[in-house]
Amino acid sequence: MQPKEIVEKFVNYFNNKDIEGLTGLYHNDAVNHQIAYEPVIGKAAIQKMFEEEFAAAQMVCIVENIFQDGEWAILEWKDPLGLRGCGFFHVIGEKIKFQRGYWDKLTFLRQHRMPIPTE
């Protein structure tokens, strides 16, 4: 599968809250770095991250664009509340080796009526 197809699977698993499917897309030593947080390293830690995120908020990814360049795929997305972001996926051997996501954490917290850090 091409990186773009892996990201399409990622979106499908994400929207179905299929944590097992999501984590199955990653290398054992993968890194997921959502820039609002510290990098999450390793498949087990990434699985825990998804478990916590899905328990904390209702999240939906609406694809705006998916681009591919070699081993990289770029996802531009929005959610039903208007939040927008993008993700970069480095796919090696049909598995995500590295992911970085950019989105506005403050807007996300406000939209989901979650506590806003004071620091």
PDB file of N, CA and C in Angstrom:
ATOM      1  N   MET A   1       0.830  -1.192   0.000  1.00  0.00           N
ATOM      2  CA  MET A   1       0.000   0.000   0.000  1.00  0.00           C
ATOM      3  C   MET A   1       0.873   1.254   0.000  1.00  0.00           C
ATOM      4  N   GLN A   2       0.398   2.255  -0.656  1.00  0.00           N
ATOM      5  CA  GLN A   2       1.076   3.543  -0.717  1.00  0.00           C
ATOM      6  C   GLN A   2       0.793   4.339   0.568  1.00  0.00           C
ATOM      7  N   PRO A   3       1.673   5.301   0.923  1.00  0.00           N
ATOM      8  CA  PRO A   3       1.434   6.127   2.112  1.00  0.00           C
ATOM      9  C   PRO A   3       0.040   6.767   2.129  1.00  0.00           C
ATOM     10  N   LYS A   4      -0.432   7.245   1.000  1.00  0.00           N
ATOM     11  CA  LYS A   4      -1.768   7.853   0.941  1.00  0.00           C
ATOM     12  C   LYS A   4      -2.836   6.851   1.368  1.00  0.00           C
ATOM     13  N   GLU A   5      -2.707   5.607   0.945  1.00  0.00           N
ATOM     14  CA  GLU A   5      -3.676   4.574   1.322  1.00  0.00           C
ATOM     15  C   GLU A   5      -3.605   4.253   2.817  1.00  0.00           C
ATOM     16  N   ILE A   6      -2.409   4.291   3.380  1.00  0.00           N
ATOM     17  CA  ILE A   6      -2.253   4.078   4.828  1.00  0.00           C
ATOM     18  C   ILE A   6      -2.975   5.188   5.584  1.00  0.00           C
ATOM     19  N   VAL A   7      -2.835   6.427   5.141  1.00  0.00           N
ATOM     20  CA  VAL A   7      -3.510   7.548   5.800  1.00  0.00           C
ATOM     21  C   VAL A   7      -5.025   7.436   5.629  1.00  0.00           C
ATOM     22  N   GLU A   8      -5.489   6.986   4.503  1.00  0.00           N
ATOM     23  CA  GLU A   8      -6.929   6.757   4.334  1.00  0.00           C
ATOM     24  C   GLU A   8      -7.429   5.714   5.332  1.00  0.00           C
ATOM     25  N   LYS A   9      -6.658   4.641   5.537  1.00  0.00           N
ATOM     26  CA  LYS A   9      -7.012   3.634   6.550  1.00  0.00           C
ATOM     27  C   LYS A   9      -6.995   4.260   7.949  1.00  0.00           C
ATOM     28  N   PHE A  10      -5.967   5.094   8.203  1.00  0.00           N
ATOM     29  CA  PHE A  10      -5.851   5.777   9.490  1.00  0.00           C
ATOM     30  C   PHE A  10      -7.131   6.566   9.780  1.00  0.00           C
ATOM     31  N   VAL A  11      -7.593   7.347   8.811  1.00  0.00           N
ATOM     32  CA  VAL A  11      -8.804   8.164   8.992  1.00  0.00           C
ATOM     33  C   VAL A  11     -10.011   7.266   9.256  1.00  0.00           C
ATOM     34  N   ASN A  12     -10.136   6.182   8.529  1.00  0.00           N
ATOM     35  CA  ASN A  12     -11.256   5.264   8.730  1.00  0.00           C
ATOM     36  C   ASN A  12     -11.235   4.672  10.141  1.00  0.00           C
ATOM     37  N   TYR A  13     -10.084   4.187  10.570  1.00  0.00           N
ATOM     38  CA  TYR A  13      -9.964   3.637  11.935  1.00  0.00           C
ATOM     39  C   TYR A  13     -10.213   4.721  12.976  1.00  0.00           C
ATOM     40  N   PHE A  14      -9.676   5.914  12.754  1.00  0.00           N
ATOM     41  CA  PHE A  14      -9.848   7.024  13.689  1.00  0.00           C
ATOM     42  C   PHE A  14     -11.333   7.346  13.862  1.00  0.00           C
ATOM     43  N   ASN A  15     -12.034   7.499  12.751  1.00  0.00           N
ATOM     44  CA  ASN A  15     -13.450   7.859  12.818  1.00  0.00           C
ATOM     45  C   ASN A  15     -14.323   6.753  13.402  1.00  0.00           C
ATOM     46  N   ASN A  16     -13.837   5.528  13.357  1.00  0.00           N
ATOM     47  CA  ASN A  16     -14.556   4.401  13.966  1.00  0.00           C
ATOM     48  C   ASN A  16     -14.040   4.086  15.366  1.00  0.00           C
ATOM     49  N   LYS A  17     -13.114   4.915  15.853  1.00  0.00           N
ATOM     50  CA  LYS A  17     -12.510   4.733  17.177  1.00  0.00           C
ATOM     51  C   LYS A  17     -11.958   3.321  17.352  1.00  0.00           C
ATOM     52  N   ASP A  18     -11.380   2.811  16.273  1.00  0.00           N
ATOM     53  CA  ASP A  18     -10.807   1.470  16.244  1.00  0.00           C
ATOM     54  C   ASP A  18      -9.341   1.559  16.671  1.00  0.00           C
ATOM     55  N   ILE A  19      -9.125   1.493  17.964  1.00  0.00           N
ATOM     56  CA  ILE A  19      -7.781   1.675  18.516  1.00  0.00           C
ATOM     57  C   ILE A  19      -6.848   0.558  18.066  1.00  0.00           C
ATOM     58  N   GLU A  20      -7.339  -0.651  18.016  1.00  0.00           N
ATOM     59  CA  GLU A  20      -6.518  -1.773  17.562  1.00  0.00           C
ATOM     60  C   GLU A  20      -6.097  -1.575  16.104  1.00  0.00           C
ATOM     61  N   GLY A  21      -7.046  -1.177  15.259  1.00  0.00           N
ATOM     62  CA  GLY A  21      -6.730  -0.913  13.862  1.00  0.00           C
ATOM     63  C   GLY A  21      -5.712   0.211  13.719  1.00  0.00           C
ATOM     64  N   LEU A  22      -5.919   1.292  14.479  1.00  0.00           N
ATOM     65  CA  LEU A  22      -4.990   2.424  14.432  1.00  0.00           C
ATOM     66  C   LEU A  22      -3.580   2.001  14.809  1.00  0.00           C
ATOM     67  N   THR A  23      -3.442   1.367  15.947  1.00  0.00           N
ATOM     68  CA  THR A  23      -2.094   1.031  16.411  1.00  0.00           C
ATOM     69  C   THR A  23      -1.444  -0.016  15.517  1.00  0.00           C
ATOM     70  N   GLY A  24      -2.239  -0.814  14.835  1.00  0.00           N
ATOM     71  CA  GLY A  24      -1.692  -1.776  13.894  1.00  0.00           C
ATOM     72  C   GLY A  24      -1.028  -1.124  12.695  1.00  0.00           C
ATOM     73  N   LEU A  25      -1.302   0.148  12.461  1.00  0.00           N
ATOM     74  CA  LEU A  25      -0.698   0.866  11.339  1.00  0.00           C
ATOM     75  C   LEU A  25       0.712   1.373  11.644  1.00  0.00           C
ATOM     76  N   TYR A  26       1.152   1.282  12.905  1.00  0.00           N
ATOM     77  CA  TYR A  26       2.431   1.861  13.326  1.00  0.00           C
ATOM     78  C   TYR A  26       3.524   0.799  13.478  1.00  0.00           C
ATOM     79  N   HIS A  27       4.778   1.214  13.226  1.00  0.00           N
ATOM     80  CA  HIS A  27       5.950   0.413  13.574  1.00  0.00           C
ATOM     81  C   HIS A  27       6.009   0.303  15.093  1.00  0.00           C
ATOM     82  N   ASN A  28       6.653  -0.739  15.598  1.00  0.00           N
ATOM     83  CA  ASN A  28       6.784  -0.913  17.050  1.00  0.00           C
ATOM     84  C   ASN A  28       7.475   0.266  17.720  1.00  0.00           C
ATOM     85  N   ASP A  29       8.430   0.902  17.021  1.00  0.00           N
ATOM     86  CA  ASP A  29       9.187   2.017  17.606  1.00  0.00           C
ATOM     87  C   ASP A  29       8.775   3.367  17.003  1.00  0.00           C
ATOM     88  N   ALA A  30       7.571   3.445  16.497  1.00  0.00           N
ATOM     89  CA  ALA A  30       7.079   4.673  15.852  1.00  0.00           C
ATOM     90  C   ALA A  30       7.033   5.840  16.842  1.00  0.00           C
ATOM     91  N   VAL A  31       7.021   7.048  16.265  1.00  0.00           N
ATOM     92  CA  VAL A  31       6.884   8.269  17.048  1.00  0.00           C
ATOM     93  C   VAL A  31       5.665   9.023  16.530  1.00  0.00           C
ATOM     94  N   ASN A  32       4.787   9.413  17.449  1.00  0.00           N
ATOM     95  CA  ASN A  32       3.633  10.256  17.122  1.00  0.00           C
ATOM     96  C   ASN A  32       3.826  11.554  17.900  1.00  0.00           C
ATOM     97  N   HIS A  33       4.070  12.637  17.174  1.00  0.00           N
ATOM     98  CA  HIS A  33       4.316  13.921  17.829  1.00  0.00           C
ATOM     99  C   HIS A  33       3.246  14.919  17.419  1.00  0.00           C
ATOM    100  N   GLN A  34       2.229  15.041  18.245  1.00  0.00           N
ATOM    101  CA  GLN A  34       1.239  16.106  18.091  1.00  0.00           C
ATOM    102  C   GLN A  34       1.869  17.319  18.763  1.00  0.00           C
ATOM    103  N   ILE A  35       2.106  18.372  18.004  1.00  0.00           N
ATOM    104  CA  ILE A  35       2.955  19.461  18.487  1.00  0.00           C
ATOM    105  C   ILE A  35       2.448  20.133  19.760  1.00  0.00           C
ATOM    106  N   ALA A  36       1.187  19.907  20.099  1.00  0.00           N
ATOM    107  CA  ALA A  36       0.660  20.465  21.341  1.00  0.00           C
ATOM    108  C   ALA A  36       1.141  19.668  22.560  1.00  0.00           C
ATOM    109  N   TYR A  37       1.776  18.534  22.321  1.00  0.00           N
ATOM    110  CA  TYR A  37       2.221  17.632  23.389  1.00  0.00           C
ATOM    111  C   TYR A  37       3.634  17.149  23.108  1.00  0.00           C
ATOM    112  N   GLU A  38       4.197  16.467  24.075  1.00  0.00           N
ATOM    113  CA  GLU A  38       5.495  15.822  23.890  1.00  0.00           C
ATOM    114  C   GLU A  38       5.321  14.628  22.947  1.00  0.00           C
ATOM    115  N   PRO A  39       6.377  14.236  22.231  1.00  0.00           N
ATOM    116  CA  PRO A  39       6.278  13.067  21.354  1.00  0.00           C
ATOM    117  C   PRO A  39       5.918  11.807  22.141  1.00  0.00           C
ATOM    118  N   VAL A  40       5.125  10.959  21.518  1.00  0.00           N
ATOM    119  CA  VAL A  40       4.760   9.658  22.084  1.00  0.00           C
ATOM    120  C   VAL A  40       5.556   8.625  21.301  1.00  0.00           C
ATOM    121  N   ILE A  41       6.312   7.797  22.023  1.00  0.00           N
ATOM    122  CA  ILE A  41       7.250   6.884  21.374  1.00  0.00           C
ATOM    123  C   ILE A  41       6.866   5.442  21.652  1.00  0.00           C
ATOM    124  N   GLY A  42       6.723   4.674  20.582  1.00  0.00           N
ATOM    125  CA  GLY A  42       6.436   3.249  20.683  1.00  0.00           C
ATOM    126  C   GLY A  42       4.961   2.942  20.510  1.00  0.00           C
ATOM    127  N   LYS A  43       4.701   1.790  19.914  1.00  0.00           N
ATOM    128  CA  LYS A  43       3.330   1.386  19.595  1.00  0.00           C
ATOM    129  C   LYS A  43       2.445   1.304  20.846  1.00  0.00           C
ATOM    130  N   ALA A  44       2.964   0.758  21.936  1.00  0.00           N
ATOM    131  CA  ALA A  44       2.164   0.630  23.169  1.00  0.00           C
ATOM    132  C   ALA A  44       1.779   2.005  23.715  1.00  0.00           C
ATOM    133  N   ALA A  45       2.714   2.936  23.695  1.00  0.00           N
ATOM    134  CA  ALA A  45       2.424   4.296  24.183  1.00  0.00           C
ATOM    135  C   ALA A  45       1.439   5.006  23.257  1.00  0.00           C
ATOM    136  N   ILE A  46       1.553   4.767  21.959  1.00  0.00           N
ATOM    137  CA  ILE A  46       0.624   5.368  20.996  1.00  0.00           C
ATOM    138  C   ILE A  46      -0.777   4.804  21.217  1.00  0.00           C
ATOM    139  N   GLN A  47      -0.878   3.513  21.476  1.00  0.00           N
ATOM    140  CA  GLN A  47      -2.184   2.905  21.767  1.00  0.00           C
ATOM    141  C   GLN A  47      -2.804   3.546  23.006  1.00  0.00           C
ATOM    142  N   LYS A  48      -2.020   3.718  24.051  1.00  0.00           N
ATOM    143  CA  LYS A  48      -2.513   4.351  25.279  1.00  0.00           C
ATOM    144  C   LYS A  48      -2.974   5.782  25.004  1.00  0.00           C
ATOM    145  N   MET A  49      -2.226   6.513  24.164  1.00  0.00           N
ATOM    146  CA  MET A  49      -2.596   7.879  23.807  1.00  0.00           C
ATOM    147  C   MET A  49      -3.972   7.899  23.153  1.00  0.00           C
ATOM    148  N   PHE A  50      -4.202   7.004  22.179  1.00  0.00           N
ATOM    149  CA  PHE A  50      -5.506   6.958  21.518  1.00  0.00           C
ATOM    150  C   PHE A  50      -6.616   6.584  22.500  1.00  0.00           C
ATOM    151  N   GLU A  51      -6.364   5.637  23.386  1.00  0.00           N
ATOM    152  CA  GLU A  51      -7.366   5.256  24.391  1.00  0.00           C
ATOM    153  C   GLU A  51      -7.767   6.465  25.230  1.00  0.00           C
ATOM    154  N   GLU A  52      -6.789   7.223  25.691  1.00  0.00           N
ATOM    155  CA  GLU A  52      -7.057   8.395  26.522  1.00  0.00           C
ATOM    156  C   GLU A  52      -7.773   9.490  25.737  1.00  0.00           C
ATOM    157  N   GLU A  53      -7.344   9.732  24.500  1.00  0.00           N
ATOM    158  CA  GLU A  53      -7.959  10.778  23.689  1.00  0.00           C
ATOM    159  C   GLU A  53      -9.417  10.468  23.365  1.00  0.00           C
ATOM    160  N   PHE A  54      -9.701   9.231  22.972  1.00  0.00           N
ATOM    161  CA  PHE A  54     -11.081   8.868  22.639  1.00  0.00           C
ATOM    162  C   PHE A  54     -11.978   8.861  23.875  1.00  0.00           C
ATOM    163  N   ALA A  55     -11.405   8.598  25.050  1.00  0.00           N
ATOM    164  CA  ALA A  55     -12.189   8.646  26.290  1.00  0.00           C
ATOM    165  C   ALA A  55     -12.491  10.091  26.699  1.00  0.00           C
ATOM    166  N   ALA A  56     -11.633  11.028  26.299  1.00  0.00           N
ATOM    167  CA  ALA A  56     -11.758  12.417  26.741  1.00  0.00           C
ATOM    168  C   ALA A  56     -12.654  13.276  25.863  1.00  0.00           C
ATOM    169  N   ALA A  57     -12.731  12.968  24.561  1.00  0.00           N
ATOM    170  CA  ALA A  57     -13.455  13.862  23.657  1.00  0.00           C
ATOM    171  C   ALA A  57     -13.998  13.096  22.448  1.00  0.00           C
ATOM    172  N   GLN A  58     -15.065  13.632  21.894  1.00  0.00           N
ATOM    173  CA  GLN A  58     -15.631  13.104  20.650  1.00  0.00           C
ATOM    174  C   GLN A  58     -14.845  13.711  19.489  1.00  0.00           C
ATOM    175  N   MET A  59     -14.123  12.884  18.750  1.00  0.00           N
ATOM    176  CA  MET A  59     -13.281  13.390  17.675  1.00  0.00           C
ATOM    177  C   MET A  59     -13.671  12.748  16.350  1.00  0.00           C
ATOM    178  N   VAL A  60     -13.731  13.578  15.319  1.00  0.00           N
ATOM    179  CA  VAL A  60     -14.041  13.123  13.965  1.00  0.00           C
ATOM    180  C   VAL A  60     -13.089  13.831  13.019  1.00  0.00           C
ATOM    181  N   CYS A  61     -12.545  13.096  12.071  1.00  0.00           N
ATOM    182  CA  CYS A  61     -11.623  13.638  11.075  1.00  0.00           C
ATOM    183  C   CYS A  61     -12.319  13.676   9.722  1.00  0.00           C
ATOM    184  N   ILE A  62     -12.508  14.875   9.191  1.00  0.00           N
ATOM    185  CA  ILE A  62     -13.066  15.050   7.858  1.00  0.00           C
ATOM    186  C   ILE A  62     -11.913  15.426   6.939  1.00  0.00           C
ATOM    187  N   VAL A  63     -11.637  14.572   5.968  1.00  0.00           N
ATOM    188  CA  VAL A  63     -10.510  14.790   5.065  1.00  0.00           C
ATOM    189  C   VAL A  63     -10.801  15.966   4.138  1.00  0.00           C
ATOM    190  N   GLU A  64      -9.861  16.893   4.078  1.00  0.00           N
ATOM    191  CA  GLU A  64      -9.914  17.958   3.084  1.00  0.00           C
ATOM    192  C   GLU A  64      -8.990  17.632   1.922  1.00  0.00           C
ATOM    193  N   ASN A  65      -7.791  17.137   2.228  1.00  0.00           N
ATOM    194  CA  ASN A  65      -6.829  16.730   1.200  1.00  0.00           C
ATOM    195  C   ASN A  65      -5.883  15.694   1.769  1.00  0.00           C
ATOM    196  N   ILE A  66      -5.440  14.805   0.906  1.00  0.00           N
ATOM    197  CA  ILE A  66      -4.327  13.913   1.224  1.00  0.00           C
ATOM    198  C   ILE A  66      -3.356  13.996   0.054  1.00  0.00           C
ATOM    199  N   PHE A  67      -2.127  14.317   0.380  1.00  0.00           N
ATOM    200  CA  PHE A  67      -1.069  14.417  -0.619  1.00  0.00           C
ATOM    201  C   PHE A  67      -0.019  13.360  -0.322  1.00  0.00           C
ATOM    202  N   GLN A  68       0.680  12.935  -1.344  1.00  0.00           N
ATOM    203  CA  GLN A  68       1.757  11.969  -1.165  1.00  0.00           C
ATOM    204  C   GLN A  68       2.987  12.418  -1.924  1.00  0.00           C
ATOM    205  N   ASP A  69       4.140  12.222  -1.285  1.00  0.00           N
ATOM    206  CA  ASP A  69       5.422  12.464  -1.935  1.00  0.00           C
ATOM    207  C   ASP A  69       6.385  11.394  -1.437  1.00  0.00           C
ATOM    208  N   GLY A  70       6.644  10.407  -2.244  1.00  0.00           N
ATOM    209  CA  GLY A  70       7.534   9.318  -1.844  1.00  0.00           C
ATOM    210  C   GLY A  70       6.978   8.567  -0.651  1.00  0.00           C
ATOM    211  N   GLU A  71       7.774   8.507   0.418  1.00  0.00           N
ATOM    212  CA  GLU A  71       7.377   7.787   1.635  1.00  0.00           C
ATOM    213  C   GLU A  71       6.508   8.636   2.564  1.00  0.00           C
ATOM    214  N   TRP A  72       6.170   9.849   2.155  1.00  0.00           N
ATOM    215  CA  TRP A  72       5.422  10.773   3.009  1.00  0.00           C
ATOM    216  C   TRP A  72       4.014  10.995   2.489  1.00  0.00           C
ATOM    217  N   ALA A  73       3.079  11.102   3.415  1.00  0.00           N
ATOM    218  CA  ALA A  73       1.714  11.518   3.094  1.00  0.00           C
ATOM    219  C   ALA A  73       1.363  12.670   4.029  1.00  0.00           C
ATOM    220  N   ILE A  74       0.596  13.617   3.498  1.00  0.00           N
ATOM    221  CA  ILE A  74       0.165  14.783   4.270  1.00  0.00           C
ATOM    222  C   ILE A  74      -1.355  14.809   4.259  1.00  0.00           C
ATOM    223  N   LEU A  75      -1.924  14.927   5.439  1.00  0.00           N
ATOM    224  CA  LEU A  75      -3.374  14.969   5.610  1.00  0.00           C
ATOM    225  C   LEU A  75      -3.791  16.356   6.081  1.00  0.00           C
ATOM    226  N   GLU A  76      -4.641  17.026   5.311  1.00  0.00           N
ATOM    227  CA  GLU A  76      -5.298  18.246   5.778  1.00  0.00           C
ATOM    228  C   GLU A  76      -6.697  17.837   6.211  1.00  0.00           C
ATOM    229  N   TRP A  77      -7.094  18.245   7.415  1.00  0.00           N
ATOM    230  CA  TRP A  77      -8.368  17.794   7.951  1.00  0.00           C
ATOM    231  C   TRP A  77      -9.118  18.928   8.640  1.00  0.00           C
ATOM    232  N   LYS A  78     -10.381  18.661   8.886  1.00  0.00           N
ATOM    233  CA  LYS A  78     -11.199  19.526   9.742  1.00  0.00           C
ATOM    234  C   LYS A  78     -12.093  18.613  10.552  1.00  0.00           C
ATOM    235  N   ASP A  79     -12.749  19.195  11.548  1.00  0.00           N
ATOM    236  CA  ASP A  79     -13.726  18.416  12.294  1.00  0.00           C
ATOM    237  C   ASP A  79     -15.079  19.122  12.224  1.00  0.00           C
ATOM    238  N   PRO A  80     -16.143  18.467  12.691  1.00  0.00           N
ATOM    239  CA  PRO A  80     -17.472  19.069  12.570  1.00  0.00           C
ATOM    240  C   PRO A  80     -17.632  20.391  13.319  1.00  0.00           C
ATOM    241  N   LEU A  81     -16.748  20.671  14.281  1.00  0.00           N
ATOM    242  CA  LEU A  81     -16.837  21.909  15.055  1.00  0.00           C
ATOM    243  C   LEU A  81     -16.041  23.053  14.422  1.00  0.00           C
ATOM    244  N   GLY A  82     -15.336  22.768  13.329  1.00  0.00           N
ATOM    245  CA  GLY A  82     -14.603  23.819  12.630  1.00  0.00           C
ATOM    246  C   GLY A  82     -13.106  23.840  12.865  1.00  0.00           C
ATOM    247  N   LEU A  83     -12.604  22.998  13.754  1.00  0.00           N
ATOM    248  CA  LEU A  83     -11.162  22.933  13.979  1.00  0.00           C
ATOM    249  C   LEU A  83     -10.498  22.374  12.725  1.00  0.00           C
ATOM    250  N   ARG A  84      -9.359  22.935  12.383  1.00  0.00           N
ATOM    251  CA  ARG A  84      -8.593  22.450  11.221  1.00  0.00           C
ATOM    252  C   ARG A  84      -7.183  22.100  11.675  1.00  0.00           C
ATOM    253  N   GLY A  85      -6.587  21.177  10.926  1.00  0.00           N
ATOM    254  CA  GLY A  85      -5.221  20.802  11.222  1.00  0.00           C
ATOM    255  C   GLY A  85      -4.611  20.051  10.070  1.00  0.00           C
ATOM    256  N   CYS A  86      -3.366  19.628  10.270  1.00  0.00           N
ATOM    257  CA  CYS A  86      -2.712  18.801   9.261  1.00  0.00           C
ATOM    258  C   CYS A  86      -1.782  17.820   9.957  1.00  0.00           C
ATOM    259  N   GLY A  87      -1.560  16.719   9.287  1.00  0.00           N
ATOM    260  CA  GLY A  87      -0.681  15.687   9.802  1.00  0.00           C
ATOM    261  C   GLY A  87       0.285  15.233   8.729  1.00  0.00           C
ATOM    262  N   PHE A  88       1.503  14.944   9.135  1.00  0.00           N
ATOM    263  CA  PHE A  88       2.543  14.440   8.252  1.00  0.00           C
ATOM    264  C   PHE A  88       2.863  13.020   8.694  1.00  0.00           C
ATOM    265  N   PHE A  89       2.855  12.090   7.765  1.00  0.00           N
ATOM    266  CA  PHE A  89       3.054  10.679   8.056  1.00  0.00           C
ATOM    267  C   PHE A  89       4.222  10.155   7.227  1.00  0.00           C
ATOM    268  N   HIS A  90       5.264   9.653   7.893  1.00  0.00           N
ATOM    269  CA  HIS A  90       6.364   8.994   7.209  1.00  0.00           C
ATOM    270  C   HIS A  90       6.073   7.497   7.265  1.00  0.00           C
ATOM    271  N   VAL A  91       5.820   6.920   6.110  1.00  0.00           N
ATOM    272  CA  VAL A  91       5.410   5.521   6.008  1.00  0.00           C
ATOM    273  C   VAL A  91       6.552   4.714   5.399  1.00  0.00           C
ATOM    274  N   ILE A  92       7.002   3.717   6.143  1.00  0.00           N
ATOM    275  CA  ILE A  92       8.070   2.831   5.686  1.00  0.00           C
ATOM    276  C   ILE A  92       7.557   1.397   5.795  1.00  0.00           C
ATOM    277  N   GLY A  93       7.616   0.658   4.690  1.00  0.00           N
ATOM    278  CA  GLY A  93       7.164  -0.732   4.721  1.00  0.00           C
ATOM    279  C   GLY A  93       5.702  -0.863   5.098  1.00  0.00           C
ATOM    280  N   GLU A  94       4.885   0.048   4.607  1.00  0.00           N
ATOM    281  CA  GLU A  94       3.435   0.055   4.837  1.00  0.00           C
ATOM    282  C   GLU A  94       3.042   0.261   6.302  1.00  0.00           C
ATOM    283  N   LYS A  95       3.949   0.817   7.103  1.00  0.00           N
ATOM    284  CA  LYS A  95       3.675   1.149   8.505  1.00  0.00           C
ATOM    285  C   LYS A  95       4.127   2.574   8.772  1.00  0.00           C
ATOM    286  N   ILE A  96       3.414   3.256   9.669  1.00  0.00           N
ATOM    287  CA  ILE A  96       3.772   4.622  10.042  1.00  0.00           C
ATOM    288  C   ILE A  96       4.980   4.579  10.976  1.00  0.00           C
ATOM    289  N   LYS A  97       6.048   5.218  10.554  1.00  0.00           N
ATOM    290  CA  LYS A  97       7.268   5.289  11.362  1.00  0.00           C
ATOM    291  C   LYS A  97       7.287   6.574  12.188  1.00  0.00           C
ATOM    292  N   PHE A  98       6.767   7.644  11.592  1.00  0.00           N
ATOM    293  CA  PHE A  98       6.762   8.944  12.258  1.00  0.00           C
ATOM    294  C   PHE A  98       5.514   9.707  11.833  1.00  0.00           C
ATOM    295  N   GLN A  99       4.905  10.362  12.803  1.00  0.00           N
ATOM    296  CA  GLN A  99       3.729  11.198  12.531  1.00  0.00           C
ATOM    297  C   GLN A  99       3.869  12.490  13.313  1.00  0.00           C
ATOM    298  N   ARG A 100       3.560  13.597  12.643  1.00  0.00           N
ATOM    299  CA  ARG A 100       3.529  14.883  13.338  1.00  0.00           C
ATOM    300  C   ARG A 100       2.234  15.577  12.968  1.00  0.00           C
ATOM    301  N   GLY A 101       1.546  16.112  13.973  1.00  0.00           N
ATOM    302  CA  GLY A 101       0.278  16.788  13.736  1.00  0.00           C
ATOM    303  C   GLY A 101       0.293  18.213  14.261  1.00  0.00           C
ATOM    304  N   TYR A 102      -0.337  19.093  13.501  1.00  0.00           N
ATOM    305  CA  TYR A 102      -0.446  20.505  13.854  1.00  0.00           C
ATOM    306  C   TYR A 102      -1.923  20.878  13.941  1.00  0.00           C
ATOM    307  N   TRP A 103      -2.341  21.423  15.090  1.00  0.00           N
ATOM    308  CA  TRP A 103      -3.707  21.871  15.311  1.00  0.00           C
ATOM    309  C   TRP A 103      -3.703  22.781  16.529  1.00  0.00           C
ATOM    310  N   ASP A 104      -4.769  23.516  16.717  1.00  0.00           N
ATOM    311  CA  ASP A 104      -4.863  24.510  17.779  1.00  0.00           C
ATOM    312  C   ASP A 104      -5.468  23.875  19.041  1.00  0.00           C
ATOM    313  N   LYS A 105      -4.623  23.607  20.008  1.00  0.00           N
ATOM    314  CA  LYS A 105      -5.057  22.945  21.239  1.00  0.00           C
ATOM    315  C   LYS A 105      -6.059  23.792  22.021  1.00  0.00           C
ATOM    316  N   LEU A 106      -5.853  25.082  22.109  1.00  0.00           N
ATOM    317  CA  LEU A 106      -6.759  25.950  22.857  1.00  0.00           C
ATOM    318  C   LEU A 106      -8.170  25.907  22.263  1.00  0.00           C
ATOM    319  N   THR A 107      -8.271  25.989  20.953  1.00  0.00           N
ATOM    320  CA  THR A 107      -9.579  25.904  20.299  1.00  0.00           C
ATOM    321  C   THR A 107     -10.214  24.546  20.567  1.00  0.00           C
ATOM    322  N   PHE A 108      -9.425  23.472  20.470  1.00  0.00           N
ATOM    323  CA  PHE A 108      -9.935  22.127  20.739  1.00  0.00           C
ATOM    324  C   PHE A 108     -10.513  22.039  22.154  1.00  0.00           C
ATOM    325  N   LEU A 109      -9.764  22.515  23.143  1.00  0.00           N
ATOM    326  CA  LEU A 109     -10.219  22.447  24.534  1.00  0.00           C
ATOM    327  C   LEU A 109     -11.503  23.254  24.729  1.00  0.00           C
ATOM    328  N   ARG A 110     -11.562  24.443  24.148  1.00  0.00           N
ATOM    329  CA  ARG A 110     -12.767  25.267  24.269  1.00  0.00           C
ATOM    330  C   ARG A 110     -13.967  24.595  23.617  1.00  0.00           C
ATOM    331  N   GLN A 111     -13.787  24.055  22.415  1.00  0.00           N
ATOM    332  CA  GLN A 111     -14.888  23.428  21.699  1.00  0.00           C
ATOM    333  C   GLN A 111     -15.461  22.229  22.459  1.00  0.00           C
ATOM    334  N   HIS A 112     -14.599  21.517  23.166  1.00  0.00           N
ATOM    335  CA  HIS A 112     -15.025  20.321  23.889  1.00  0.00           C
ATOM    336  C   HIS A 112     -15.302  20.600  25.364  1.00  0.00           C
ATOM    337  N   ARG A 113     -15.303  21.894  25.709  1.00  0.00           N
ATOM    338  CA  ARG A 113     -15.575  22.314  27.088  1.00  0.00           C
ATOM    339  C   ARG A 113     -14.696  21.576  28.100  1.00  0.00           C
ATOM    340  N   MET A 114     -13.419  21.500  27.748  1.00  0.00           N
ATOM    341  CA  MET A 114     -12.434  20.838  28.602  1.00  0.00           C
ATOM    342  C   MET A 114     -11.648  21.908  29.356  1.00  0.00           C
ATOM    343  N   PRO A 115     -11.039  21.547  30.472  1.00  0.00           N
ATOM    344  CA  PRO A 115     -10.269  22.521  31.245  1.00  0.00           C
ATOM    345  C   PRO A 115      -9.123  23.108  30.432  1.00  0.00           C
ATOM    346  N   ILE A 116      -8.918  24.392  30.591  1.00  0.00           N
ATOM    347  CA  ILE A 116      -7.829  25.096  29.900  1.00  0.00           C
ATOM    348  C   ILE A 116      -6.688  25.276  30.901  1.00  0.00           C
ATOM    349  N   PRO A 117      -5.495  24.772  30.555  1.00  0.00           N
ATOM    350  CA  PRO A 117      -4.348  24.916  31.468  1.00  0.00           C
ATOM    351  C   PRO A 117      -4.056  26.382  31.751  1.00  0.00           C
ATOM    352  N   THR A 118      -3.588  26.673  32.951  1.00  0.00           N
ATOM    353  CA  THR A 118      -3.270  28.050  33.332  1.00  0.00           C
ATOM    354  C   THR A 118      -1.814  28.389  33.036  1.00  0.00           C
ATOM    355  N   GLU A 119      -1.016  27.424  32.685  1.00  0.00           N
ATOM    356  CA  GLU A 119       0.406  27.671  32.373  1.00  0.00           C
ATOM    357  C   GLU A 119       0.617  27.797  30.905  1.00  0.00           C
TER     358      GLU A 119
END
